[in-house]
Amino acid sequence: MAALEARGVTRSFGPIRVLHGVDFSLIPGEVHALIGENGAGKSTTMKILGGYLSPTEGALLLDGQPVSFADQRQAEDAGILMIHQEFNLALQLTVEENIFLGREKRRGPFLDQKAMRAEARDLLSRLDCHVDPRTPIRDLSVPNRQMVEIARALGRKARVLIMDEPTAVLTGRETDVLLEQIARLKAQGTAILYTSHKLDEIARISDRVTVLRDGAHIVTRTAEGFSEHAMAEAMVGRDLTDLYPAKSQAQDDVVLEVEGLTVPGRVRDASFTLRRGEVLGFAGLVGAGRTELMEGIAGLRPATGTVRVNGKTIRLGSVLAAREAGLVYLTEDRKEKGLLLGKSLTENLTLLALDRFGRLSIDKRAEDAALTQAIADFDIRVKDRAMVAGSLSGGNQQKLLLAKTMLAEPQIVIIDEPTRGIDIGTKQQIYTFIAALAAEGKSVIVVSSELPEVIGLSTRVVVMGRGHIAGELTGDQITEDAILRRAMGVKEMTGAEA
C-alpha cells in the first residue's frame, strides 16, 4: 500500500491550470523520482503532497485513507517532510538552532543546548559535514547550508521524505554521501520522492520514475531500463541527440588579458587570455577559486594585478568600469545575487541598462517593449507579465538573468554555472544561446562544475586548483581525465597527454 498517494490531482492559480489530473504514489522503502522540465508541475505536485498547497480537484490518500492538510505543519505531524530547493533556513540563527527550530529539546523549563548540539553533530557527521553547530547559517557556504537542510530532515525521522533538487549545489563527494543516506533511509522503509535535473542520479537511485510535461502525467515506469536519453526525450517531447551545438572557431585578436591577478585569500597570480568569438571554459574542484577569480575580474571583489580589455587597462574593484569596458558577469547565485525576486520581470530586466530607458523618468512603454522582445528572444515562459521574478521556474529565472545581462550589450560575457538546477531542455536552449554569442563575435567564459558541459561548449579549457591556474587544455586534450588530474595536482601519466 502507498504511504502517500495523489489521485487525479488538479491545481489552478486563478484561471490558469498548472496541474491536470496527476496520479502519483509513494511506497514505503521505495525511491520514486519525479522529473520534467522547469514549469512541468513538479514543484506544485511536491507542495501539494507536502501540505504547502491544496489541490483544486482530486484527492490525497495517506495509508489509503483520504486526507487533507491545512498546512505543512499538519503534513509534518503526519510524518511527511520536504527538503526545499530554496533554502528554508533562518540565516541569523546557528546550525543547531535551525536543525531543532520548532522542536527544541528541553530540560525542565530550559533549552537543553548540550543535547541539541550533540545530536546536531551526529546528524551532520552522517552527512560527512563537519561544520560547527554553533556557526550562524549566514557564515556557511551554499553546499553546507544544503547539508543543514538535509540534516534537519533526517533528525525528524520522516516516514515520507520529499527532496527537491537536493544535490543542485553539492560536490560529487557530497552527492555520494547523500545518496548513501537515501539508500539507508530506503532500507528503513522511508518512502522517498526525489527530483533532480541530473538524470544520472535518477538512474542511480530510483526504483520508479514519473515524467511530467506541461502539468500532465506522461509516463510512470521502473527505472531499470529507462535510459537517461529516454528520460530526457520523455521530458521535452523531442529528440535531444545534439545536446551541444557545433563549436565556432575563435578569431585571432585577444579581447581580454588577465595578468598576475590575485584575490586576497582566494586566488594568486592568475594569468590567461580570451580571444574574440571564443568560448573559454574554466574547470576545477569546488573551492579552487574560479568564482572568486571571475568576481575579481568583474570588479565584485578586491583584487590586484592587471586586466586589459581590447588592450586598455581597466580599474579593478569597479563593476561600472568593467561594464563600461564591455565586460559583464552572470553570477552563479541567481536568486540571492542575480535577480530581485520580489520585483517585476520588467524591473529585473532593465536594471543593468536603466540609463537606456530614461534619466529623470523611466520610459515605461520602452521597458514593456524590451520585456516583449526578451520573452521572444530568450523563450522566457511567463503565465502573467505582471508576475514577480521569484514566481518563475528556475530555468526561466536563468533566462531572465541572461536577458538582463545581454540588454547591456556586452562584448565579453562571464557565465558562472549557467545551467545549475535547470532541466535538460532548457540546458539545450542555453547552450545554443552561448554558441550563438560566440558566432556573433562576442567572447564567453563559462565556469561550470559539470565537466561534460565544459567539454561540450569550450574550444579551450583553463583548469584551476587551490587558488591558482593549474593548466590549460585545447582540442583533443580536453577530456574529463585530463581536467581532473590537473585540478587535483596529479602528474601526467603519459607524454601524449601533456
Protein backbone atom coordinates (compact mmCIF):
# COMPACT_ATOMS: atom_id res chain seq x y z
CA MET A 1 0.00 0.00 0.00
CA ALA A 2 1.15 3.50 -0.79
CA ALA A 3 2.16 5.63 2.19
CA LEU A 4 1.02 8.75 0.34
CA GLU A 5 -0.90 8.99 -2.91
CA ALA A 6 -2.30 11.67 -5.23
CA ARG A 7 -5.31 10.71 -7.32
CA GLY A 8 -6.46 12.90 -10.19
CA VAL A 9 -4.89 15.98 -8.60
CA THR A 10 -5.51 19.26 -10.40
CA ARG A 11 -4.25 22.67 -9.34
CA SER A 12 -5.21 26.06 -10.69
CA PHE A 13 -3.95 29.52 -9.84
CA GLY A 14 -6.85 31.77 -10.76
CA PRO A 15 -7.83 30.94 -14.34
CA ILE A 16 -4.50 29.21 -15.05
CA ARG A 17 -4.39 25.43 -14.61
CA VAL A 18 -0.89 24.14 -13.87
CA LEU A 19 -1.68 20.50 -12.99
CA HIS A 20 -4.04 18.32 -15.00
CA GLY A 21 -5.30 15.25 -13.14
CA VAL A 22 -1.95 13.92 -11.88
CA ASP A 23 -1.71 10.46 -10.29
CA PHE A 24 1.33 9.78 -8.12
CA SER A 25 2.15 7.35 -5.31
CA LEU A 26 4.91 6.93 -2.76
CA ILE A 27 5.51 3.42 -1.42
CA PRO A 28 7.48 2.62 1.78
CA GLY A 29 11.04 1.52 1.01
CA GLU A 30 11.00 2.98 -2.50
CA VAL A 31 12.62 5.97 -4.19
CA HIS A 32 10.17 7.44 -6.70
CA ALA A 33 11.73 10.09 -8.96
CA LEU A 34 9.64 12.92 -10.36
CA ILE A 35 11.19 14.57 -13.42
CA GLY A 36 10.24 17.12 -16.03
CA GLU A 37 11.26 20.44 -17.49
CA ASN A 38 11.11 23.63 -15.44
CA GLY A 39 7.45 24.58 -15.34
CA ALA A 40 6.28 20.98 -15.84
CA GLY A 41 4.45 20.97 -12.48
CA LYS A 42 6.98 19.14 -10.29
CA SER A 43 7.18 21.80 -7.58
CA THR A 44 3.40 22.20 -7.44
CA THR A 45 2.96 18.42 -7.10
CA MET A 46 5.53 18.26 -4.31
CA LYS A 47 3.98 21.21 -2.45
CA ILE A 48 0.56 19.55 -2.58
CA LEU A 49 1.98 16.29 -1.24
CA GLY A 50 3.89 18.21 1.45
CA GLY A 51 0.89 20.24 2.65
CA TYR A 52 2.05 23.60 1.29
CA LEU A 53 -0.77 23.75 -1.27
CA SER A 54 -4.21 22.18 -1.52
CA PRO A 55 -5.42 20.51 -4.70
CA THR A 56 -8.12 22.33 -6.65
CA GLU A 57 -9.57 18.95 -7.62
CA GLY A 58 -8.65 15.36 -6.84
CA ALA A 59 -7.65 13.76 -3.56
CA LEU A 60 -4.70 12.85 -1.33
CA LEU A 61 -4.62 9.50 0.46
CA LEU A 62 -2.49 8.72 3.49
CA ASP A 63 -2.18 4.96 4.11
CA GLY A 64 -5.14 4.52 1.78
CA GLN A 65 -7.41 6.96 3.63
CA PRO A 66 -8.44 10.39 2.29
CA VAL A 67 -6.57 13.21 3.98
CA SER A 68 -6.47 17.00 3.77
CA PHE A 69 -3.62 19.08 5.17
CA ALA A 70 -4.37 22.63 6.28
CA ASP A 71 -0.66 23.48 6.06
CA GLN A 72 2.79 21.92 6.06
CA ARG A 73 2.78 21.61 9.85
CA GLN A 74 -0.09 19.14 9.67
CA ALA A 75 1.78 17.23 6.97
CA GLU A 76 4.93 17.19 9.12
CA ASP A 77 2.90 15.93 12.09
CA ALA A 78 1.82 13.06 9.81
CA GLY A 79 5.48 12.29 9.07
CA ILE A 80 5.72 14.00 5.67
CA LEU A 81 8.73 16.28 5.33
CA MET A 82 10.06 18.28 2.39
CA ILE A 83 13.60 19.46 1.70
CA HIS A 84 13.24 22.56 -0.44
CA GLN A 85 15.40 23.58 -3.37
CA GLU A 86 15.18 27.12 -1.98
CA PHE A 87 16.72 27.05 1.47
CA ASN A 88 14.21 27.32 4.29
CA LEU A 89 16.73 28.40 6.91
CA ALA A 90 16.93 31.33 9.34
CA LEU A 91 20.23 32.97 8.35
CA GLN A 92 20.75 34.74 11.68
CA LEU A 93 20.36 31.55 13.73
CA THR A 94 23.05 28.91 14.27
CA VAL A 95 23.19 25.49 12.64
CA GLU A 96 21.88 23.71 15.74
CA GLU A 97 19.10 26.28 16.22
CA ASN A 98 17.92 25.71 12.66
CA ILE A 99 18.02 21.92 12.96
CA PHE A 100 15.79 22.00 16.06
CA LEU A 101 13.69 25.05 15.20
CA GLY A 102 10.12 24.40 16.35
CA ARG A 103 11.03 21.17 18.17
CA GLU A 104 13.68 22.33 20.64
CA LYS A 105 14.86 19.88 23.29
CA ARG A 106 14.20 20.98 26.85
CA ARG A 107 15.49 20.15 30.26
CA GLY A 108 12.79 21.35 32.56
CA PRO A 109 11.97 24.97 31.66
CA PHE A 110 15.33 25.48 29.90
CA LEU A 111 16.63 24.60 26.45
CA ASP A 112 18.94 21.58 26.51
CA GLN A 113 21.72 23.11 24.41
CA LYS A 114 24.15 20.28 25.15
CA ALA A 115 21.78 17.59 23.87
CA MET A 116 20.83 19.57 20.77
CA ARG A 117 24.48 20.28 19.94
CA ALA A 118 25.44 16.63 20.32
CA GLU A 119 22.57 15.44 18.11
CA ALA A 120 23.31 18.15 15.53
CA ARG A 121 26.93 16.99 15.35
CA ASP A 122 25.78 13.39 14.91
CA LEU A 123 23.34 14.27 12.11
CA LEU A 124 25.95 16.34 10.29
CA SER A 125 28.62 13.65 10.69
CA ARG A 126 26.28 11.16 8.99
CA LEU A 127 26.47 13.51 6.00
CA ASP A 128 30.25 13.87 6.35
CA CYS A 129 29.70 17.58 7.06
CA HIS A 130 31.97 18.89 9.79
CA VAL A 131 30.75 22.42 10.41
CA ASP A 132 30.48 23.66 13.99
CA PRO A 133 26.81 23.51 15.09
CA ARG A 134 27.29 26.92 16.74
CA THR A 135 28.06 28.60 13.40
CA PRO A 136 25.43 31.06 12.10
CA ILE A 137 23.85 29.91 8.83
CA ARG A 138 24.82 33.20 7.12
CA ASP A 139 28.50 32.23 7.54
CA LEU A 140 28.17 28.88 5.77
CA SER A 141 28.83 28.08 2.12
CA VAL A 142 25.87 27.21 -0.08
CA PRO A 143 26.70 23.44 -0.09
CA ASN A 144 26.94 23.40 3.71
CA ARG A 145 23.60 25.19 4.01
CA GLN A 146 22.10 22.39 1.93
CA MET A 147 23.63 19.82 4.25
CA VAL A 148 22.00 21.56 7.23
CA GLU A 149 18.62 21.36 5.45
CA ILE A 150 19.14 17.65 4.92
CA ALA A 151 20.34 17.07 8.48
CA ARG A 152 17.22 18.80 9.81
CA ALA A 153 15.02 16.44 7.78
CA LEU A 154 17.00 13.38 8.89
CA GLY A 155 16.55 14.43 12.51
CA ARG A 156 12.77 14.42 12.18
CA LYS A 157 12.64 10.75 11.14
CA ALA A 158 10.20 11.25 8.28
CA ARG A 159 8.11 8.34 7.00
CA VAL A 160 7.70 10.24 3.72
CA LEU A 161 10.60 12.40 2.57
CA ILE A 162 10.22 14.80 -0.38
CA MET A 163 13.53 16.03 -1.80
CA ASP A 164 13.53 18.91 -4.29
CA GLU A 165 16.87 19.15 -6.16
CA PRO A 166 18.90 18.22 -3.05
CA THR A 167 22.23 17.92 -4.91
CA ALA A 168 22.00 21.03 -7.13
CA VAL A 169 24.70 22.82 -5.09
CA LEU A 170 26.64 19.78 -3.82
CA THR A 171 30.00 18.48 -4.96
CA GLY A 172 30.39 14.97 -6.33
CA ARG A 173 31.66 13.67 -2.99
CA GLU A 174 28.83 15.35 -1.08
CA THR A 175 26.33 13.90 -3.53
CA ASP A 176 27.72 10.40 -2.98
CA VAL A 177 27.32 10.80 0.78
CA LEU A 178 23.73 11.98 0.40
CA LEU A 179 22.80 9.14 -1.95
CA GLU A 180 24.22 6.69 0.60
CA GLN A 181 21.94 8.23 3.23
CA ILE A 182 18.97 7.91 0.89
CA ALA A 183 19.74 4.21 0.38
CA ARG A 184 19.86 3.80 4.17
CA LEU A 185 16.51 5.56 4.63
CA LYS A 186 15.00 3.42 1.88
CA ALA A 187 16.19 0.27 3.65
CA GLN A 188 14.49 1.53 6.83
CA GLY A 189 11.17 1.77 4.99
CA THR A 190 11.03 5.51 4.27
CA ALA A 191 9.04 6.47 1.17
CA ILE A 192 11.11 8.98 -0.83
CA LEU A 193 10.15 11.40 -3.59
CA TYR A 194 13.28 12.58 -5.37
CA THR A 195 13.56 15.29 -8.02
CA SER A 196 16.72 16.25 -9.87
CA HIS A 197 17.76 17.53 -13.26
CA LYS A 198 20.81 15.25 -13.01
CA LEU A 199 19.49 12.21 -14.82
CA ASP A 200 22.50 10.07 -13.89
CA GLU A 201 21.42 10.44 -10.25
CA ILE A 202 17.86 9.49 -11.14
CA ALA A 203 19.07 6.34 -12.88
CA ARG A 204 21.35 5.51 -9.95
CA ILE A 205 18.97 6.00 -7.02
CA SER A 206 15.41 5.45 -8.25
CA ASP A 207 13.07 2.47 -8.27
CA ARG A 208 10.35 4.17 -10.31
CA VAL A 209 10.31 7.33 -12.44
CA THR A 210 7.35 9.56 -13.26
CA VAL A 211 7.61 12.16 -16.03
CA LEU A 212 5.50 15.33 -16.07
CA ARG A 213 5.20 17.67 -19.04
CA ASP A 214 3.18 20.90 -19.08
CA GLY A 215 1.39 19.86 -15.88
CA ALA A 216 0.27 16.49 -17.23
CA HIS A 217 1.35 12.94 -16.37
CA ILE A 218 3.30 11.47 -19.30
CA VAL A 219 4.58 8.12 -18.02
CA THR A 220 5.46 6.16 -14.88
CA ARG A 221 7.81 3.22 -15.27
CA THR A 222 10.53 1.33 -13.45
CA ALA A 223 13.93 2.98 -13.54
CA GLU A 224 15.62 -0.21 -14.74
CA GLY A 225 15.95 0.00 -18.49
CA PHE A 226 14.77 3.63 -18.59
CA SER A 227 17.89 5.24 -20.08
CA GLU A 228 18.91 8.82 -19.40
CA HIS A 229 18.38 9.63 -23.06
CA ALA A 230 14.86 8.17 -23.00
CA MET A 231 14.09 10.13 -19.81
CA ALA A 232 15.25 13.37 -21.42
CA GLU A 233 13.17 12.83 -24.55
CA ALA A 234 10.08 11.97 -22.47
CA MET A 235 10.57 15.21 -20.53
CA VAL A 236 10.83 17.53 -23.53
CA GLY A 237 8.85 15.59 -26.13
CA ARG A 238 11.54 15.95 -28.78
CA ASP A 239 14.86 14.45 -29.85
CA LEU A 240 17.91 15.61 -27.87
CA THR A 241 20.63 13.84 -29.81
CA ASP A 242 22.58 17.05 -30.43
CA LEU A 243 22.66 18.49 -26.91
CA TYR A 244 25.74 20.64 -27.59
CA PRO A 245 25.84 22.87 -30.68
CA ALA A 246 28.82 22.97 -33.03
CA LYS A 247 31.76 24.98 -31.73
CA SER A 248 32.74 28.08 -33.68
CA GLN A 249 36.39 28.95 -34.23
CA ALA A 250 37.81 31.83 -32.22
CA GLN A 251 39.34 34.77 -34.05
CA ASP A 252 42.99 35.75 -33.63
CA ASP A 253 42.60 39.05 -31.77
CA VAL A 254 42.76 38.98 -27.96
CA VAL A 255 39.95 40.89 -26.24
CA LEU A 256 40.77 40.11 -22.59
CA GLU A 257 44.18 39.83 -20.91
CA VAL A 258 44.47 38.94 -17.24
CA GLU A 259 47.97 39.15 -15.75
CA GLY A 260 49.01 38.23 -12.23
CA LEU A 261 45.54 38.69 -10.77
CA THR A 262 45.39 37.99 -7.05
CA VAL A 263 42.24 37.94 -4.94
CA PRO A 264 43.41 38.01 -1.30
CA GLY A 265 42.92 34.65 0.40
CA ARG A 266 41.30 33.10 -2.70
CA VAL A 267 43.35 33.36 -5.90
CA ARG A 268 47.02 34.03 -6.52
CA ASP A 269 48.87 35.18 -9.62
CA ALA A 270 46.32 34.09 -12.25
CA SER A 271 47.05 34.91 -15.90
CA PHE A 272 45.14 33.99 -19.07
CA THR A 273 43.79 35.46 -22.31
CA LEU A 274 40.46 35.36 -24.13
CA ARG A 275 40.02 35.79 -27.89
CA ARG A 276 37.17 37.26 -29.88
CA GLY A 277 34.45 34.69 -30.64
CA GLU A 278 35.88 32.17 -28.17
CA VAL A 279 34.09 30.06 -25.56
CA LEU A 280 36.69 29.57 -22.84
CA GLY A 281 35.84 27.03 -20.14
CA PHE A 282 37.01 27.25 -16.54
CA ALA A 283 37.03 23.94 -14.65
CA GLY A 284 38.18 22.84 -11.23
CA LEU A 285 37.02 21.36 -7.96
CA VAL A 286 34.81 23.28 -5.55
CA GLY A 287 36.98 25.78 -3.67
CA ALA A 288 39.51 26.08 -6.50
CA GLY A 289 38.87 29.83 -6.79
CA ARG A 290 37.08 30.00 -10.15
CA THR A 291 34.18 32.16 -8.98
CA GLU A 292 36.44 34.39 -6.90
CA LEU A 293 38.73 34.97 -9.89
CA MET A 294 35.79 35.96 -12.10
CA GLU A 295 34.38 38.25 -9.41
CA GLY A 296 37.79 39.89 -9.14
CA ILE A 297 37.90 40.49 -12.91
CA ALA A 298 34.34 41.88 -12.90
CA GLY A 299 35.02 44.31 -10.04
CA LEU A 300 32.98 42.45 -7.43
CA ARG A 301 35.97 41.58 -5.19
CA PRO A 302 39.13 43.45 -4.20
CA ALA A 303 41.98 42.28 -6.42
CA THR A 304 45.47 43.21 -7.55
CA GLY A 305 47.11 42.63 -10.90
CA THR A 306 46.20 43.77 -14.39
CA VAL A 307 43.06 43.33 -16.50
CA ARG A 308 43.05 44.68 -20.06
CA VAL A 309 40.02 44.79 -22.37
CA ASN A 310 40.90 45.37 -26.01
CA GLY A 311 44.35 46.49 -24.92
CA LYS A 312 43.13 49.07 -22.36
CA THR A 313 43.73 48.54 -18.66
CA ILE A 314 40.54 48.76 -16.59
CA ARG A 315 40.29 49.83 -12.97
CA LEU A 316 39.97 46.87 -10.61
CA GLY A 317 37.30 46.80 -7.92
CA SER A 318 34.75 48.65 -10.03
CA VAL A 319 31.75 46.92 -11.59
CA LEU A 320 31.00 50.11 -13.51
CA ALA A 321 34.49 50.20 -15.03
CA ALA A 322 34.16 46.58 -16.16
CA ARG A 323 30.73 47.20 -17.64
CA GLU A 324 31.84 50.36 -19.46
CA ALA A 325 34.66 48.30 -20.96
CA GLY A 326 32.05 45.81 -22.24
CA LEU A 327 32.56 43.05 -19.65
CA VAL A 328 29.70 41.59 -17.59
CA TYR A 329 29.40 38.72 -15.12
CA LEU A 330 26.41 36.40 -14.60
CA THR A 331 26.53 35.18 -11.01
CA GLU A 332 26.20 31.51 -10.08
CA ASP A 333 23.64 32.52 -7.43
CA ARG A 334 20.80 33.95 -9.47
CA LYS A 335 18.40 34.02 -6.52
CA GLU A 336 20.46 35.96 -3.97
CA LYS A 337 22.78 37.98 -6.21
CA GLY A 338 21.39 37.93 -9.75
CA LEU A 339 17.70 38.80 -9.51
CA LEU A 340 15.39 40.80 -7.27
CA LEU A 341 12.90 38.02 -6.68
CA GLY A 342 10.22 40.26 -5.21
CA LYS A 343 10.33 42.71 -8.13
CA SER A 344 8.63 42.53 -11.51
CA LEU A 345 10.11 41.00 -14.65
CA THR A 346 10.49 44.43 -16.21
CA GLU A 347 12.32 45.90 -13.20
CA ASN A 348 14.76 42.98 -13.22
CA LEU A 349 15.28 43.05 -16.98
CA THR A 350 16.19 46.73 -17.33
CA LEU A 351 18.15 47.22 -14.10
CA LEU A 352 21.60 46.81 -15.64
CA ALA A 353 20.82 49.10 -18.59
CA LEU A 354 18.49 51.56 -16.88
CA ASP A 355 20.14 54.58 -18.50
CA ARG A 356 18.74 53.41 -21.84
CA PHE A 357 15.18 53.92 -20.59
CA GLY A 358 15.39 57.50 -19.36
CA ARG A 359 17.21 59.52 -16.73
CA LEU A 360 14.74 61.80 -14.94
CA SER A 361 11.89 59.35 -15.51
CA ILE A 362 11.60 55.81 -16.87
CA ASP A 363 10.01 55.22 -20.26
CA LYS A 364 7.56 52.50 -19.22
CA ARG A 365 6.47 51.87 -22.80
CA ALA A 366 10.08 51.23 -23.86
CA GLU A 367 10.59 48.93 -20.86
CA ASP A 368 7.48 46.97 -21.77
CA ALA A 369 8.68 46.63 -25.35
CA ALA A 370 12.07 45.38 -24.08
CA LEU A 371 10.31 42.73 -21.99
CA THR A 372 8.27 41.63 -25.01
CA GLN A 373 11.48 41.27 -27.02
CA ALA A 374 13.29 39.41 -24.23
CA ILE A 375 10.42 36.95 -23.79
CA ALA A 376 10.59 36.18 -27.50
CA ASP A 377 14.38 36.10 -27.84
CA PHE A 378 15.08 34.00 -24.75
CA ASP A 379 11.87 31.92 -24.70
CA ILE A 380 11.02 33.11 -21.18
CA ARG A 381 7.80 31.28 -20.34
CA VAL A 382 5.55 33.50 -18.25
CA LYS A 383 1.95 32.95 -17.20
CA ASP A 384 1.45 36.64 -16.39
CA ARG A 385 3.73 39.54 -17.38
CA ALA A 386 2.88 41.24 -14.07
CA MET A 387 4.30 38.35 -12.01
CA VAL A 388 7.41 38.81 -9.86
CA ALA A 389 10.69 37.17 -10.82
CA GLY A 390 10.54 34.80 -7.84
CA SER A 391 7.41 33.17 -9.30
CA LEU A 392 9.29 31.98 -12.39
CA SER A 393 10.70 28.46 -12.59
CA GLY A 394 14.46 28.10 -12.17
CA GLY A 395 15.10 27.78 -15.89
CA ASN A 396 13.04 30.85 -16.70
CA GLN A 397 14.79 32.82 -13.96
CA GLN A 398 18.10 31.93 -15.61
CA LYS A 399 16.77 33.07 -18.99
CA LEU A 400 15.64 36.36 -17.43
CA LEU A 401 19.11 36.83 -15.93
CA LEU A 402 20.67 36.20 -19.34
CA ALA A 403 18.28 38.67 -20.97
CA LYS A 404 19.04 41.28 -18.30
CA THR A 405 22.77 40.90 -18.86
CA MET A 406 22.62 40.99 -22.64
CA LEU A 407 20.48 44.15 -22.57
CA ALA A 408 23.68 45.94 -21.52
CA GLU A 409 25.17 44.90 -24.90
CA PRO A 410 28.45 43.44 -23.57
CA GLN A 411 31.30 42.13 -25.71
CA ILE A 412 32.70 39.82 -23.02
CA VAL A 413 30.30 37.65 -21.02
CA ILE A 414 31.34 35.60 -17.98
CA ILE A 415 28.69 32.98 -17.11
CA ASP A 416 29.14 31.18 -13.80
CA GLU A 417 27.31 27.82 -13.55
CA PRO A 418 24.99 28.58 -16.49
CA THR A 419 22.68 25.58 -16.01
CA ARG A 420 22.70 24.80 -12.29
CA GLY A 421 19.28 23.47 -11.26
CA ILE A 422 17.95 23.60 -14.83
CA ASP A 423 16.23 20.88 -16.82
CA ILE A 424 17.74 19.22 -19.88
CA GLY A 425 15.53 21.02 -22.39
CA THR A 426 16.40 24.47 -21.03
CA LYS A 427 20.06 23.47 -20.86
CA GLN A 428 19.99 22.81 -24.59
CA GLN A 429 18.49 26.26 -25.18
CA ILE A 430 21.18 27.96 -23.09
CA TYR A 431 23.96 26.01 -24.81
CA THR A 432 22.60 27.15 -28.18
CA PHE A 433 22.49 30.72 -26.92
CA ILE A 434 26.13 30.59 -25.75
CA ALA A 435 27.26 29.19 -29.11
CA ALA A 436 25.29 31.92 -30.90
CA LEU A 437 27.05 34.61 -28.86
CA ALA A 438 30.45 33.26 -29.93
CA ALA A 439 29.33 33.01 -33.56
CA GLU A 440 28.35 36.71 -33.41
CA GLY A 441 31.90 37.59 -32.34
CA LYS A 442 31.27 38.00 -28.63
CA SER A 443 33.61 36.28 -26.20
CA VAL A 444 32.34 33.99 -23.46
CA ILE A 445 33.86 32.50 -20.33
CA VAL A 446 31.90 29.53 -18.94
CA VAL A 447 32.57 28.47 -15.35
CA SER A 448 30.96 25.11 -14.61
CA SER A 449 31.25 22.22 -12.18
CA GLU A 450 29.75 19.89 -14.80
CA LEU A 451 32.66 18.57 -16.83
CA PRO A 452 30.55 17.38 -19.79
CA GLU A 453 29.25 20.96 -20.04
CA VAL A 454 32.74 22.46 -20.05
CA ILE A 455 33.95 19.93 -22.62
CA GLY A 456 30.84 20.22 -24.81
CA LEU A 457 30.93 24.02 -25.03
CA SER A 458 34.56 25.10 -24.88
CA THR A 459 37.24 25.42 -27.53
CA ARG A 460 39.81 25.83 -24.75
CA VAL A 461 39.72 24.96 -21.04
CA VAL A 462 41.62 26.57 -18.16
CA VAL A 463 41.85 24.34 -15.07
CA MET A 464 42.15 25.81 -11.58
CA GLY A 465 43.28 24.11 -8.41
CA ARG A 466 43.74 25.52 -4.90
CA GLY A 467 43.58 29.13 -5.94
CA HIS A 468 45.88 29.08 -8.94
CA ILE A 469 45.76 28.12 -12.61
CA ALA A 470 46.87 24.51 -12.85
CA GLY A 471 46.88 24.08 -16.62
CA GLU A 472 45.29 24.75 -19.97
CA LEU A 473 43.85 22.28 -22.47
CA THR A 474 42.91 22.58 -26.13
CA GLY A 475 41.48 20.33 -28.85
CA ASP A 476 41.75 16.61 -28.19
CA GLN A 477 43.49 17.32 -24.85
CA ILE A 478 40.13 18.35 -23.36
CA THR A 479 38.99 15.20 -21.53
CA GLU A 480 37.48 14.60 -18.10
CA ASP A 481 40.54 12.65 -17.03
CA ALA A 482 42.98 15.40 -18.07
CA ILE A 483 40.87 18.09 -16.36
CA LEU A 484 40.56 16.15 -13.11
CA ARG A 485 44.25 15.28 -12.93
CA ARG A 486 45.22 18.92 -13.30
CA ALA A 487 42.56 20.04 -10.83
CA MET A 488 43.88 17.58 -8.24
CA GLY A 489 47.53 18.29 -8.99
CA VAL A 490 48.24 14.75 -10.22
CA LYS A 491 51.17 14.40 -12.59
CA GLU A 492 50.60 13.39 -16.21
CA MET A 493 50.65 9.65 -16.88
CA THR A 494 51.83 9.81 -20.48
CA GLY A 495 53.73 12.27 -22.59
CA ALA A 496 50.99 12.24 -25.22
CA GLU A 497 48.54 13.87 -22.78
CA ALA A 498 50.93 16.57 -21.55
